[in-house]
Amino acid sequence: MGVQISSRKVGEVIVLDLQGRATMGAGNDALSNALRKLAEAGTDKVLVNLAGVSQMDSSGISTIVRSFVTLERRGGKLKLLKPGGHVREVLELTRLIHSIPTFDDESTALASFG
């Protein structure tokens, strides 16, 4: 099973709620396409909710990093919400949890966009 993505708008922030596995193949392709479309549409505030993600490999990490950099260059922000279990371990191991703003509470994450 790949990743299922739903999006919702909270104020000026687009929240992507992910469920499943963000791993090489269809799951990562869907995530990459969703993030690319947001960037192309001029979206500058994106919160990626990882609470429902059970697994993420290097391709999923790469997609998030690439989108983070793309949005930063355009003056936008990408932040992460509620990574848990294996996903949190991967983010900590790669030190991305310290590079990409990461939150455990949605209201705090939303407020951080200002």
Protein backbone atom coordinates (compact mmCIF):
# COMPACT_ATOMS: atom_id res chain seq x y z
CA MET A 1 0.00 0.00 0.00
CA GLY A 2 1.30 3.43 -0.90
CA VAL A 3 0.43 6.71 0.72
CA GLN A 4 -3.04 8.25 0.73
CA ILE A 5 -3.05 12.05 0.70
CA SER A 6 -5.85 14.39 1.63
CA SER A 7 -5.50 18.13 1.82
CA ARG A 8 -7.36 20.78 3.75
CA LYS A 9 -6.96 24.50 4.17
CA VAL A 10 -6.70 25.99 7.65
CA GLY A 11 -6.48 29.76 7.33
CA GLU A 12 -3.62 30.37 4.91
CA VAL A 13 -1.98 26.98 5.52
CA ILE A 14 -2.47 23.89 3.36
CA VAL A 15 -2.35 20.77 5.53
CA LEU A 16 -1.50 17.49 3.79
CA ASP A 17 -2.72 14.54 5.85
CA LEU A 18 -0.79 11.41 4.89
CA GLN A 19 -1.78 7.79 5.58
CA GLY A 20 0.28 4.71 4.75
CA ARG A 21 3.82 4.33 3.48
CA ALA A 22 5.89 7.08 1.84
CA THR A 23 8.31 4.73 0.18
CA MET A 24 9.86 4.31 -3.27
CA GLY A 25 7.33 3.80 -6.01
CA ALA A 26 3.70 4.89 -6.21
CA GLY A 27 3.59 6.19 -2.62
CA ASN A 28 6.49 8.55 -3.07
CA ASP A 29 5.35 9.56 -6.55
CA ALA A 30 1.97 10.64 -5.16
CA LEU A 31 3.63 12.66 -2.40
CA SER A 32 6.05 14.26 -4.83
CA ASN A 33 3.23 15.20 -7.23
CA ALA A 34 1.08 16.67 -4.46
CA LEU A 35 3.92 18.82 -3.11
CA ARG A 36 5.03 19.91 -6.58
CA LYS A 37 1.48 20.99 -7.50
CA LEU A 38 1.24 23.08 -4.33
CA ALA A 39 4.55 24.80 -5.10
CA GLU A 40 3.55 25.43 -8.73
CA ALA A 41 0.24 26.92 -7.57
CA GLY A 42 2.15 29.43 -5.43
CA THR A 43 1.24 27.88 -2.09
CA ASP A 44 3.71 29.23 0.46
CA LYS A 45 2.57 27.60 3.73
CA VAL A 46 2.48 23.80 3.84
CA LEU A 47 2.12 21.55 6.86
CA VAL A 48 2.74 17.85 6.21
CA ASN A 49 0.91 15.71 8.77
CA LEU A 50 2.90 12.49 9.20
CA ALA A 51 0.77 11.03 12.02
CA GLY A 52 -0.65 8.33 9.75
CA VAL A 53 2.64 7.42 8.04
CA SER A 54 3.91 4.01 9.12
CA GLN A 55 7.07 3.93 7.01
CA MET A 56 9.27 6.38 5.13
CA ASP A 57 12.39 5.54 3.17
CA SER A 58 15.09 7.65 1.56
CA SER A 59 12.87 8.52 -1.41
CA GLY A 60 10.16 9.91 0.91
CA ILE A 61 12.78 11.86 2.86
CA SER A 62 14.25 13.20 -0.38
CA THR A 63 10.84 14.38 -1.56
CA ILE A 64 10.22 16.27 1.68
CA VAL A 65 13.69 17.85 1.66
CA ARG A 66 13.34 18.88 -2.00
CA SER A 67 9.94 20.47 -1.33
CA PHE A 68 11.26 22.19 1.80
CA VAL A 69 14.13 23.73 -0.18
CA THR A 70 11.88 24.71 -3.10
CA LEU A 71 9.42 26.50 -0.83
CA GLU A 72 12.19 28.19 1.17
CA ARG A 73 13.73 29.58 -2.03
CA ARG A 74 10.35 31.05 -2.95
CA GLY A 75 9.89 32.60 0.48
CA GLY A 76 7.52 29.88 1.65
CA LYS A 77 7.57 27.39 4.49
CA LEU A 78 7.14 23.64 4.80
CA LYS A 79 6.77 22.17 8.27
CA LEU A 80 6.14 18.67 9.61
CA LEU A 81 3.50 17.50 12.05
CA LYS A 82 3.39 14.47 14.35
CA PRO A 83 6.01 12.10 12.97
CA GLY A 84 5.88 8.97 15.07
CA GLY A 85 7.58 5.62 15.51
CA HIS A 86 9.88 4.61 12.67
CA VAL A 87 9.30 7.88 10.79
CA ARG A 88 10.46 9.94 13.79
CA GLU A 89 13.50 7.69 14.17
CA VAL A 90 14.46 8.23 10.52
CA LEU A 91 14.05 12.01 10.86
CA GLU A 92 16.16 12.02 14.03
CA LEU A 93 18.84 9.77 12.51
CA THR A 94 19.16 12.06 9.49
CA ARG A 95 18.98 15.15 11.76
CA LEU A 96 16.17 16.53 9.60
CA ILE A 97 14.01 16.84 12.69
CA HIS A 98 16.33 19.72 13.64
CA SER A 99 16.47 21.25 10.15
CA ILE A 100 12.81 21.15 9.13
CA PRO A 101 10.47 22.66 11.74
CA THR A 102 8.63 19.74 13.33
CA PHE A 103 5.67 19.89 15.71
CA ASP A 104 3.64 17.43 17.78
CA ASP A 105 0.62 19.73 18.14
CA GLU A 106 -1.36 20.98 15.14
CA SER A 107 -2.50 24.27 16.67
CA THR A 108 1.09 25.15 17.63
CA ALA A 109 2.28 24.23 14.13
CA LEU A 110 -0.39 26.36 12.48
CA ALA A 111 0.36 29.32 14.76
CA SER A 112 4.08 29.09 13.86
CA PHE A 113 3.32 30.18 10.30
CA GLY A 114 2.39 33.61 11.68
